[in-house]
Amino acid sequence: MRLTVIGCSGSYPGPDGPASCYLFEAEGFRLVIDLGSGAIGVLQRHIRISDIDAVCLSHQHPDHCLDLCPLWVARMFGPDGRLLSYEQVLTMQKFGTIQVDHDNKEDVLRTIGAPSETSYFPRVQREVWSYPYKESGVWNSLMSVYFDNAGIVRKLENGPDPKFDPDRGRFFGGLRR
């Protein structure tokens, strides 16, 4: 087991080192604890970015997490600028991993991220998070995730995205507003 201090200069990088970042290595597993400002450059003196197995953030202050952005870019694109990794997050398969009557808001955020829009329906006491996506990579669709007042997922519902409905803005069979 080995712990390497990559940076510990405080709230911002100093002239001799980055903000908070530690490399923990044990049995071939490499864990980076915090990625403060300037850490990603110094970290590469010790390991390749592609060799990082996991990142753990102690908290979300900038001096502990700002270098997540360059880490993301480095993990998505190689040194030659070619795309290395891509995941279409909003798919029926990904939505299908959300467990009705079990998962909560935190689970949904971890699985598919923040919604593009939220609504609340007081009559049925449901908060709804909306996610526009391309169903089968083609159809403009909208997935709605319904939560009860305790924040538990109670229903998933998909359908056409009304923003792309040519009849949107009509009522009573075709009169425009």
N, C-alpha and C. Protein backbone atom coordinates (compact mmCIF):
# COMPACT_ATOMS: atom_id res chain seq x y z
N MET A 1 0.85 -1.17 0.00
CA MET A 1 0.00 0.00 0.00
C MET A 1 0.90 1.23 0.00
N ARG A 2 0.51 2.23 -0.83
CA ARG A 2 1.32 3.44 -0.93
C ARG A 2 0.40 4.66 -1.08
N LEU A 3 0.71 5.71 -0.36
CA LEU A 3 -0.02 6.97 -0.45
C LEU A 3 0.96 8.04 -0.92
N THR A 4 0.61 8.70 -2.04
CA THR A 4 1.45 9.77 -2.59
C THR A 4 0.69 11.08 -2.51
N VAL A 5 1.28 12.07 -1.90
CA VAL A 5 0.67 13.39 -1.84
C VAL A 5 1.00 14.09 -3.16
N ILE A 6 -0.05 14.32 -3.95
CA ILE A 6 0.11 15.01 -5.23
C ILE A 6 0.07 16.52 -5.00
N GLY A 7 -0.81 16.95 -4.12
CA GLY A 7 -0.93 18.36 -3.79
C GLY A 7 -1.66 18.57 -2.49
N CYS A 8 -1.26 19.61 -1.77
CA CYS A 8 -1.92 19.94 -0.50
C CYS A 8 -1.69 21.42 -0.17
N SER A 9 -1.72 22.26 -1.20
CA SER A 9 -1.34 23.66 -0.99
C SER A 9 -2.43 24.53 -0.39
N GLY A 10 -3.61 24.02 -0.21
CA GLY A 10 -4.67 24.83 0.38
C GLY A 10 -5.78 25.12 -0.61
N SER A 11 -6.35 26.28 -0.53
CA SER A 11 -7.54 26.62 -1.31
C SER A 11 -7.28 26.88 -2.79
N TYR A 12 -6.05 27.01 -3.17
CA TYR A 12 -5.69 27.21 -4.58
C TYR A 12 -4.28 26.68 -4.78
N PRO A 13 -3.91 26.37 -6.04
CA PRO A 13 -2.58 25.82 -6.24
C PRO A 13 -1.49 26.82 -5.88
N GLY A 14 -0.44 26.31 -5.30
CA GLY A 14 0.70 27.16 -4.96
C GLY A 14 1.77 27.06 -6.03
N PRO A 15 2.86 27.81 -5.87
CA PRO A 15 3.93 27.78 -6.88
C PRO A 15 4.63 26.43 -6.94
N ASP A 16 4.54 25.66 -5.86
CA ASP A 16 5.23 24.37 -5.83
C ASP A 16 4.30 23.17 -5.84
N GLY A 17 2.99 23.41 -5.99
CA GLY A 17 2.11 22.25 -6.00
C GLY A 17 0.65 22.59 -6.11
N PRO A 18 -0.12 21.62 -6.55
CA PRO A 18 -1.56 21.82 -6.72
C PRO A 18 -2.31 21.80 -5.40
N ALA A 19 -3.60 22.10 -5.50
CA ALA A 19 -4.49 21.98 -4.35
C ALA A 19 -4.67 20.49 -4.04
N SER A 20 -5.57 20.16 -3.18
CA SER A 20 -5.73 18.83 -2.62
C SER A 20 -5.84 17.70 -3.65
N CYS A 21 -4.93 16.72 -3.53
CA CYS A 21 -4.97 15.52 -4.37
C CYS A 21 -4.03 14.47 -3.79
N TYR A 22 -4.52 13.25 -3.67
CA TYR A 22 -3.75 12.15 -3.10
C TYR A 22 -3.94 10.92 -3.96
N LEU A 23 -2.87 10.18 -4.17
CA LEU A 23 -2.91 8.94 -4.93
C LEU A 23 -2.70 7.79 -3.97
N PHE A 24 -3.70 6.92 -3.90
CA PHE A 24 -3.65 5.75 -3.04
C PHE A 24 -3.54 4.52 -3.93
N GLU A 25 -2.48 3.71 -3.72
CA GLU A 25 -2.27 2.52 -4.52
C GLU A 25 -2.16 1.30 -3.62
N ALA A 26 -2.93 0.26 -3.96
CA ALA A 26 -2.89 -0.98 -3.19
C ALA A 26 -3.28 -2.14 -4.10
N GLU A 27 -2.43 -3.15 -4.15
CA GLU A 27 -2.70 -4.38 -4.90
C GLU A 27 -3.12 -4.09 -6.34
N GLY A 28 -2.45 -3.14 -6.98
CA GLY A 28 -2.72 -2.82 -8.37
C GLY A 28 -3.89 -1.88 -8.60
N PHE A 29 -4.58 -1.50 -7.54
CA PHE A 29 -5.72 -0.58 -7.65
C PHE A 29 -5.23 0.84 -7.35
N ARG A 30 -5.65 1.79 -8.20
CA ARG A 30 -5.20 3.18 -8.03
C ARG A 30 -6.40 4.07 -7.79
N LEU A 31 -6.45 4.64 -6.62
CA LEU A 31 -7.54 5.52 -6.21
C LEU A 31 -6.99 6.93 -6.04
N VAL A 32 -7.63 7.89 -6.71
CA VAL A 32 -7.27 9.29 -6.55
C VAL A 32 -8.28 9.90 -5.59
N ILE A 33 -7.79 10.50 -4.52
CA ILE A 33 -8.65 11.14 -3.54
C ILE A 33 -8.51 12.64 -3.74
N ASP A 34 -9.58 13.26 -4.18
CA ASP A 34 -9.66 14.69 -4.50
C ASP A 34 -8.85 15.01 -5.76
N LEU A 35 -9.32 16.02 -6.48
CA LEU A 35 -8.65 16.50 -7.68
C LEU A 35 -8.73 18.02 -7.71
N GLY A 36 -7.99 18.66 -6.80
CA GLY A 36 -7.99 20.11 -6.72
C GLY A 36 -7.26 20.75 -7.89
N SER A 37 -7.33 22.05 -7.96
CA SER A 37 -6.72 22.82 -9.06
C SER A 37 -5.26 22.46 -9.26
N GLY A 38 -4.90 22.17 -10.50
CA GLY A 38 -3.52 21.87 -10.85
C GLY A 38 -3.09 20.44 -10.61
N ALA A 39 -3.97 19.61 -10.07
CA ALA A 39 -3.58 18.25 -9.70
C ALA A 39 -3.33 17.34 -10.89
N ILE A 40 -4.11 17.48 -11.94
CA ILE A 40 -4.04 16.52 -13.04
C ILE A 40 -2.66 16.52 -13.72
N GLY A 41 -2.02 17.67 -13.79
CA GLY A 41 -0.69 17.73 -14.39
C GLY A 41 0.34 17.01 -13.55
N VAL A 42 0.38 17.29 -12.27
CA VAL A 42 1.36 16.66 -11.37
C VAL A 42 1.07 15.16 -11.23
N LEU A 43 -0.19 14.79 -11.21
CA LEU A 43 -0.57 13.39 -11.09
C LEU A 43 0.05 12.55 -12.21
N GLN A 44 0.17 13.13 -13.39
CA GLN A 44 0.72 12.41 -14.54
C GLN A 44 2.22 12.12 -14.40
N ARG A 45 2.87 12.75 -13.43
CA ARG A 45 4.28 12.40 -13.14
C ARG A 45 4.36 11.04 -12.46
N HIS A 46 3.23 10.59 -11.90
CA HIS A 46 3.20 9.35 -11.12
C HIS A 46 2.49 8.21 -11.83
N ILE A 47 1.40 8.50 -12.53
CA ILE A 47 0.65 7.47 -13.26
C ILE A 47 0.03 8.09 -14.52
N ARG A 48 -0.29 7.22 -15.47
CA ARG A 48 -1.03 7.68 -16.64
C ARG A 48 -2.49 7.88 -16.25
N ILE A 49 -3.15 8.83 -16.86
CA ILE A 49 -4.55 9.10 -16.54
C ILE A 49 -5.40 7.85 -16.79
N SER A 50 -5.06 7.10 -17.83
CA SER A 50 -5.83 5.90 -18.15
C SER A 50 -5.69 4.81 -17.08
N ASP A 51 -4.70 4.94 -16.19
CA ASP A 51 -4.50 3.94 -15.14
C ASP A 51 -5.27 4.24 -13.86
N ILE A 52 -6.01 5.35 -13.81
CA ILE A 52 -6.82 5.68 -12.63
C ILE A 52 -8.02 4.74 -12.60
N ASP A 53 -8.19 4.03 -11.49
CA ASP A 53 -9.32 3.10 -11.35
C ASP A 53 -10.55 3.78 -10.76
N ALA A 54 -10.34 4.75 -9.89
CA ALA A 54 -11.48 5.41 -9.25
C ALA A 54 -11.04 6.76 -8.70
N VAL A 55 -12.02 7.65 -8.55
CA VAL A 55 -11.79 8.96 -7.95
C VAL A 55 -12.80 9.11 -6.81
N CYS A 56 -12.33 9.57 -5.68
CA CYS A 56 -13.18 9.82 -4.53
C CYS A 56 -13.00 11.29 -4.14
N LEU A 57 -14.10 12.00 -4.01
CA LEU A 57 -14.04 13.41 -3.60
C LEU A 57 -14.47 13.52 -2.14
N SER A 58 -13.66 14.19 -1.34
CA SER A 58 -14.01 14.37 0.06
C SER A 58 -15.19 15.31 0.21
N HIS A 59 -15.27 16.31 -0.67
CA HIS A 59 -16.40 17.23 -0.73
C HIS A 59 -16.28 18.05 -2.02
N GLN A 60 -17.27 18.88 -2.29
CA GLN A 60 -17.34 19.53 -3.59
C GLN A 60 -16.84 20.96 -3.61
N HIS A 61 -15.92 21.30 -2.75
CA HIS A 61 -15.31 22.62 -2.84
C HIS A 61 -14.33 22.61 -4.02
N PRO A 62 -14.18 23.74 -4.71
CA PRO A 62 -13.32 23.78 -5.90
C PRO A 62 -11.89 23.30 -5.67
N ASP A 63 -11.34 23.57 -4.50
CA ASP A 63 -9.96 23.15 -4.25
C ASP A 63 -9.83 21.63 -4.07
N HIS A 64 -10.95 20.93 -4.18
CA HIS A 64 -10.93 19.47 -4.08
C HIS A 64 -11.47 18.79 -5.33
N CYS A 65 -12.06 19.57 -6.27
CA CYS A 65 -12.70 18.91 -7.41
C CYS A 65 -12.53 19.59 -8.77
N LEU A 66 -11.89 20.76 -8.85
CA LEU A 66 -11.84 21.46 -10.14
C LEU A 66 -11.18 20.67 -11.26
N ASP A 67 -10.21 19.85 -10.96
CA ASP A 67 -9.54 19.11 -12.01
C ASP A 67 -10.31 17.88 -12.48
N LEU A 68 -11.56 17.72 -12.04
CA LEU A 68 -12.42 16.71 -12.63
C LEU A 68 -12.68 17.04 -14.10
N CYS A 69 -12.74 18.33 -14.42
CA CYS A 69 -12.99 18.74 -15.82
C CYS A 69 -11.87 18.27 -16.75
N PRO A 70 -10.60 18.58 -16.47
CA PRO A 70 -9.56 18.06 -17.36
C PRO A 70 -9.46 16.54 -17.32
N LEU A 71 -9.80 15.91 -16.19
CA LEU A 71 -9.79 14.45 -16.13
C LEU A 71 -10.83 13.90 -17.10
N TRP A 72 -12.02 14.49 -17.11
CA TRP A 72 -13.07 14.05 -18.02
C TRP A 72 -12.61 14.18 -19.47
N VAL A 73 -12.02 15.32 -19.81
CA VAL A 73 -11.55 15.53 -21.18
C VAL A 73 -10.49 14.49 -21.52
N ALA A 74 -9.55 14.25 -20.61
CA ALA A 74 -8.48 13.28 -20.87
C ALA A 74 -9.02 11.87 -21.02
N ARG A 75 -10.08 11.53 -20.27
CA ARG A 75 -10.67 10.19 -20.37
C ARG A 75 -11.52 10.03 -21.63
N MET A 76 -12.04 11.14 -22.13
CA MET A 76 -12.88 11.10 -23.34
C MET A 76 -12.04 11.16 -24.62
N PHE A 77 -10.92 11.90 -24.58
CA PHE A 77 -10.11 12.11 -25.77
C PHE A 77 -8.67 11.71 -25.49
N GLY A 78 -8.04 11.08 -26.45
CA GLY A 78 -6.65 10.69 -26.31
C GLY A 78 -5.74 11.87 -26.59
N PRO A 79 -4.44 11.69 -26.42
CA PRO A 79 -3.48 12.76 -26.66
C PRO A 79 -3.53 13.28 -28.10
N ASP A 80 -3.99 12.43 -29.04
CA ASP A 80 -4.08 12.84 -30.43
C ASP A 80 -5.41 13.52 -30.76
N GLY A 81 -6.26 13.70 -29.75
CA GLY A 81 -7.55 14.36 -29.95
C GLY A 81 -8.66 13.43 -30.40
N ARG A 82 -8.37 12.15 -30.56
CA ARG A 82 -9.40 11.20 -30.96
C ARG A 82 -10.28 10.81 -29.78
N LEU A 83 -11.57 10.64 -30.05
CA LEU A 83 -12.53 10.24 -29.03
C LEU A 83 -12.22 8.83 -28.56
N LEU A 84 -12.07 8.65 -27.25
CA LEU A 84 -11.78 7.35 -26.67
C LEU A 84 -13.01 6.68 -26.07
N SER A 85 -13.89 7.49 -25.51
CA SER A 85 -15.01 6.94 -24.76
C SER A 85 -16.25 7.76 -25.02
N TYR A 86 -17.36 7.07 -25.15
CA TYR A 86 -18.63 7.74 -25.39
C TYR A 86 -19.75 6.89 -24.84
N GLU A 87 -20.68 7.50 -24.14
CA GLU A 87 -21.84 6.78 -23.67
C GLU A 87 -23.07 7.65 -23.89
N GLN A 88 -24.03 7.11 -24.60
CA GLN A 88 -25.32 7.78 -24.74
C GLN A 88 -26.07 7.45 -23.45
N VAL A 89 -26.20 8.43 -22.57
CA VAL A 89 -26.77 8.18 -21.25
C VAL A 89 -28.28 8.01 -21.30
N LEU A 90 -28.95 8.86 -22.07
CA LEU A 90 -30.40 8.83 -22.07
C LEU A 90 -30.90 7.85 -23.14
N THR A 91 -31.01 6.59 -22.75
CA THR A 91 -31.53 5.54 -23.62
C THR A 91 -32.58 4.76 -22.87
N MET A 92 -33.40 4.02 -23.59
CA MET A 92 -34.41 3.18 -22.94
C MET A 92 -33.73 2.16 -22.02
N GLN A 93 -32.57 1.65 -22.43
CA GLN A 93 -31.86 0.69 -21.59
C GLN A 93 -31.44 1.33 -20.27
N LYS A 94 -30.94 2.56 -20.33
CA LYS A 94 -30.50 3.24 -19.11
C LYS A 94 -31.70 3.59 -18.24
N PHE A 95 -32.77 4.12 -18.87
CA PHE A 95 -33.99 4.40 -18.10
C PHE A 95 -34.51 3.13 -17.44
N GLY A 96 -34.35 1.99 -18.12
CA GLY A 96 -34.82 0.71 -17.60
C GLY A 96 -34.10 0.26 -16.35
N THR A 97 -32.96 0.85 -16.04
CA THR A 97 -32.25 0.47 -14.80
C THR A 97 -32.81 1.18 -13.57
N ILE A 98 -33.68 2.16 -13.79
CA ILE A 98 -34.30 2.87 -12.66
C ILE A 98 -35.41 1.98 -12.11
N GLN A 99 -35.37 1.72 -10.82
CA GLN A 99 -36.32 0.80 -10.19
C GLN A 99 -37.48 1.57 -9.56
N VAL A 100 -38.67 1.36 -10.13
CA VAL A 100 -39.89 1.97 -9.59
C VAL A 100 -40.15 1.40 -8.20
N ASP A 101 -40.64 2.23 -7.30
CA ASP A 101 -40.95 1.88 -5.90
C ASP A 101 -39.71 1.55 -5.07
N HIS A 102 -38.53 1.85 -5.61
CA HIS A 102 -37.30 1.58 -4.87
C HIS A 102 -36.33 2.76 -4.94
N ASP A 103 -35.96 3.18 -6.16
CA ASP A 103 -34.96 4.23 -6.32
C ASP A 103 -35.49 5.59 -5.86
N ASN A 104 -34.55 6.44 -5.46
CA ASN A 104 -34.92 7.80 -5.02
C ASN A 104 -34.26 8.83 -5.94
N LYS A 105 -34.41 10.09 -5.60
CA LYS A 105 -33.88 11.16 -6.45
C LYS A 105 -32.37 11.06 -6.63
N GLU A 106 -31.65 10.73 -5.57
CA GLU A 106 -30.19 10.60 -5.67
C GLU A 106 -29.82 9.47 -6.64
N ASP A 107 -30.56 8.36 -6.58
CA ASP A 107 -30.29 7.25 -7.50
C ASP A 107 -30.50 7.69 -8.94
N VAL A 108 -31.57 8.43 -9.19
CA VAL A 108 -31.87 8.90 -10.54
C VAL A 108 -30.79 9.88 -11.02
N LEU A 109 -30.37 10.78 -10.15
CA LEU A 109 -29.30 11.73 -10.52
C LEU A 109 -28.02 10.99 -10.89
N ARG A 110 -27.68 9.96 -10.13
CA ARG A 110 -26.48 9.17 -10.41
C ARG A 110 -26.61 8.40 -11.72
N THR A 111 -27.81 7.95 -12.02
CA THR A 111 -28.02 7.10 -13.20
C THR A 111 -28.11 7.90 -14.49
N ILE A 112 -28.92 8.98 -14.50
CA ILE A 112 -29.15 9.70 -15.76
C ILE A 112 -28.92 11.20 -15.66
N GLY A 113 -28.50 11.67 -14.50
CA GLY A 113 -28.17 13.09 -14.38
C GLY A 113 -29.36 13.97 -14.05
N ALA A 114 -29.13 15.27 -14.10
CA ALA A 114 -30.14 16.25 -13.75
C ALA A 114 -31.19 16.36 -14.86
N PRO A 115 -32.44 16.61 -14.49
CA PRO A 115 -33.49 16.75 -15.50
C PRO A 115 -33.39 18.08 -16.23
N SER A 116 -33.98 18.14 -17.40
CA SER A 116 -34.02 19.40 -18.13
C SER A 116 -35.12 20.30 -17.60
N GLU A 117 -36.10 19.69 -16.94
CA GLU A 117 -37.24 20.45 -16.42
C GLU A 117 -37.87 19.66 -15.28
N THR A 118 -38.41 20.39 -14.31
CA THR A 118 -39.16 19.74 -13.23
C THR A 118 -40.53 20.37 -13.12
N SER A 119 -41.49 19.57 -12.67
CA SER A 119 -42.87 20.04 -12.47
C SER A 119 -43.40 19.41 -11.19
N TYR A 120 -44.45 19.99 -10.66
CA TYR A 120 -45.12 19.39 -9.51
C TYR A 120 -46.62 19.41 -9.76
N PHE A 121 -47.24 18.26 -9.55
CA PHE A 121 -48.69 18.13 -9.71
C PHE A 121 -49.31 17.95 -8.34
N PRO A 122 -49.83 19.03 -7.73
CA PRO A 122 -50.32 18.96 -6.35
C PRO A 122 -51.51 18.01 -6.17
N ARG A 123 -52.34 17.90 -7.18
CA ARG A 123 -53.53 17.05 -7.04
C ARG A 123 -53.16 15.59 -6.80
N VAL A 124 -52.13 15.11 -7.48
CA VAL A 124 -51.68 13.73 -7.29
C VAL A 124 -50.43 13.65 -6.43
N GLN A 125 -49.96 14.78 -5.98
CA GLN A 125 -48.77 14.89 -5.13
C GLN A 125 -47.57 14.15 -5.74
N ARG A 126 -47.23 14.57 -6.97
CA ARG A 126 -46.09 13.97 -7.66
C ARG A 126 -45.21 15.06 -8.24
N GLU A 127 -43.91 14.91 -8.01
CA GLU A 127 -42.92 15.75 -8.68
C GLU A 127 -42.47 14.98 -9.91
N VAL A 128 -42.33 15.69 -11.03
CA VAL A 128 -41.96 15.03 -12.28
C VAL A 128 -40.69 15.66 -12.82
N TRP A 129 -39.73 14.80 -13.13
CA TRP A 129 -38.50 15.23 -13.77
C TRP A 129 -38.57 14.80 -15.22
N SER A 130 -38.27 15.72 -16.14
CA SER A 130 -38.37 15.44 -17.57
C SER A 130 -37.00 15.36 -18.22
N TYR A 131 -36.86 14.37 -19.11
CA TYR A 131 -35.61 14.12 -19.82
C TYR A 131 -35.88 13.97 -21.31
N PRO A 132 -35.57 14.99 -22.12
CA PRO A 132 -35.69 14.79 -23.57
C PRO A 132 -34.56 13.89 -24.07
N TYR A 133 -34.88 13.03 -25.02
CA TYR A 133 -33.87 12.12 -25.58
C TYR A 133 -34.35 11.63 -26.94
N LYS A 134 -33.45 10.97 -27.65
CA LYS A 134 -33.78 10.38 -28.95
C LYS A 134 -34.03 8.89 -28.75
N GLU A 135 -35.29 8.48 -28.84
CA GLU A 135 -35.59 7.06 -28.69
C GLU A 135 -35.11 6.34 -29.94
N SER A 136 -34.39 5.25 -29.73
CA SER A 136 -33.77 4.47 -30.81
C SER A 136 -32.88 5.34 -31.69
N GLY A 137 -32.39 6.45 -31.12
CA GLY A 137 -31.52 7.35 -31.85
C GLY A 137 -32.23 8.17 -32.92
N VAL A 138 -33.58 8.10 -32.95
CA VAL A 138 -34.31 8.74 -34.04
C VAL A 138 -35.41 9.68 -33.55
N TRP A 139 -36.34 9.18 -32.73
CA TRP A 139 -37.54 9.94 -32.37
C TRP A 139 -37.30 10.86 -31.19
N ASN A 140 -37.73 12.12 -31.34
CA ASN A 140 -37.65 13.08 -30.25
C ASN A 140 -38.66 12.67 -29.19
N SER A 141 -38.15 12.21 -28.06
CA SER A 141 -39.01 11.67 -27.02
C SER A 141 -38.76 12.39 -25.70
N LEU A 142 -39.65 12.14 -24.76
CA LEU A 142 -39.54 12.74 -23.43
C LEU A 142 -39.84 11.66 -22.40
N MET A 143 -38.88 11.41 -21.51
CA MET A 143 -39.10 10.48 -20.41
C MET A 143 -39.42 11.30 -19.18
N SER A 144 -40.51 10.93 -18.51
CA SER A 144 -40.92 11.60 -17.27
C SER A 144 -40.75 10.63 -16.12
N VAL A 145 -40.07 11.08 -15.08
CA VAL A 145 -39.85 10.27 -13.88
C VAL A 145 -40.68 10.91 -12.77
N TYR A 146 -41.61 10.15 -12.22
CA TYR A 146 -42.54 10.65 -11.19
C TYR A 146 -42.06 10.22 -9.80
N PHE A 147 -42.00 11.19 -8.89
CA PHE A 147 -41.58 10.93 -7.50
C PHE A 147 -42.73 11.24 -6.56
N ASP A 148 -42.85 10.45 -5.48
CA ASP A 148 -43.81 10.80 -4.44
C ASP A 148 -43.17 11.85 -3.52
N ASN A 149 -43.90 12.25 -2.49
CA ASN A 149 -43.39 13.31 -1.60
C ASN A 149 -42.16 12.88 -0.79
N ALA A 150 -41.94 11.57 -0.69
CA ALA A 150 -40.74 11.08 0.00
C ALA A 150 -39.54 11.00 -0.94
N GLY A 151 -39.75 11.32 -2.24
CA GLY A 151 -38.66 11.30 -3.20
C GLY A 151 -38.40 9.93 -3.81
N ILE A 152 -39.36 9.02 -3.69
CA ILE A 152 -39.22 7.67 -4.26
C ILE A 152 -39.85 7.65 -5.66
N VAL A 153 -39.19 6.99 -6.60
CA VAL A 153 -39.72 6.87 -7.96
C VAL A 153 -40.98 6.02 -7.92
N ARG A 154 -42.08 6.55 -8.47
CA ARG A 154 -43.35 5.83 -8.49
C ARG A 154 -43.78 5.45 -9.91
N LYS A 155 -43.20 6.13 -10.92
CA LYS A 155 -43.61 5.82 -12.29
C LYS A 155 -42.61 6.41 -13.27
N LEU A 156 -42.40 5.71 -14.36
CA LEU A 156 -41.65 6.20 -15.51
C LEU A 156 -42.62 6.22 -16.69
N GLU A 157 -42.59 7.29 -17.45
CA GLU A 157 -43.51 7.39 -18.58
C GLU A 157 -42.80 8.07 -19.74
N ASN A 158 -42.81 7.42 -20.90
CA ASN A 158 -42.19 8.06 -22.06
C ASN A 158 -43.24 8.32 -23.13
N GLY A 159 -42.91 9.26 -23.99
CA GLY A 159 -43.79 9.61 -25.09
C GLY A 159 -43.11 10.62 -25.98
N PRO A 160 -43.83 11.12 -26.99
CA PRO A 160 -43.22 12.11 -27.87
C PRO A 160 -42.90 13.40 -27.12
N ASP A 161 -41.83 14.05 -27.50
CA ASP A 161 -41.48 15.33 -26.89
C ASP A 161 -42.39 16.40 -27.49
N PRO A 162 -43.22 17.05 -26.64
CA PRO A 162 -44.18 18.03 -27.17
C PRO A 162 -43.51 19.23 -27.85
N LYS A 163 -42.24 19.47 -27.57
CA LYS A 163 -41.55 20.58 -28.24
C LYS A 163 -41.43 20.36 -29.75
N PHE A 164 -41.52 19.11 -30.16
CA PHE A 164 -41.38 18.79 -31.58
C PHE A 164 -42.71 18.39 -32.21
N ASP A 165 -43.80 18.60 -31.49
CA ASP A 165 -45.14 18.26 -31.99
C ASP A 165 -45.63 19.39 -32.89
N PRO A 166 -45.92 19.10 -34.18
CA PRO A 166 -46.36 20.17 -35.08
C PRO A 166 -47.71 20.76 -34.68
N ASP A 167 -48.49 20.03 -33.89
CA ASP A 167 -49.80 20.53 -33.47
C ASP A 167 -49.74 21.27 -32.14
N ARG A 168 -48.55 21.39 -31.57
CA ARG A 168 -48.42 22.10 -30.31
C ARG A 168 -48.85 23.55 -30.51
N GLY A 169 -49.56 24.08 -29.58
CA GLY A 169 -50.06 25.44 -29.70
C GLY A 169 -51.45 25.48 -30.30
N ARG A 170 -52.00 24.32 -30.60
CA ARG A 170 -53.37 24.26 -31.12
C ARG A 170 -54.29 23.70 -30.04
N PHE A 171 -55.52 24.06 -30.10
CA PHE A 171 -56.52 23.46 -29.22
C PHE A 171 -57.85 23.45 -29.94
N PHE A 172 -58.78 22.65 -29.48
CA PHE A 172 -60.10 22.49 -30.10
C PHE A 172 -59.99 22.16 -31.58
N GLY A 173 -59.15 21.18 -31.90
CA GLY A 173 -59.08 20.69 -33.26
C GLY A 173 -58.34 21.57 -34.24
N GLY A 174 -57.53 22.48 -33.82
CA GLY A 174 -56.70 23.18 -34.78
C GLY A 174 -56.65 24.68 -34.64
N LEU A 175 -57.43 25.28 -33.75
CA LEU A 175 -57.35 26.74 -33.58
C LEU A 175 -56.03 27.09 -32.90
N ARG A 176 -55.34 28.05 -33.42
CA ARG A 176 -54.09 28.48 -32.81
C ARG A 176 -54.38 29.47 -31.69
N ARG A 177 -53.54 29.44 -30.69
CA ARG A 177 -53.65 30.38 -29.58
C ARG A 177 -53.28 31.76 -30.01
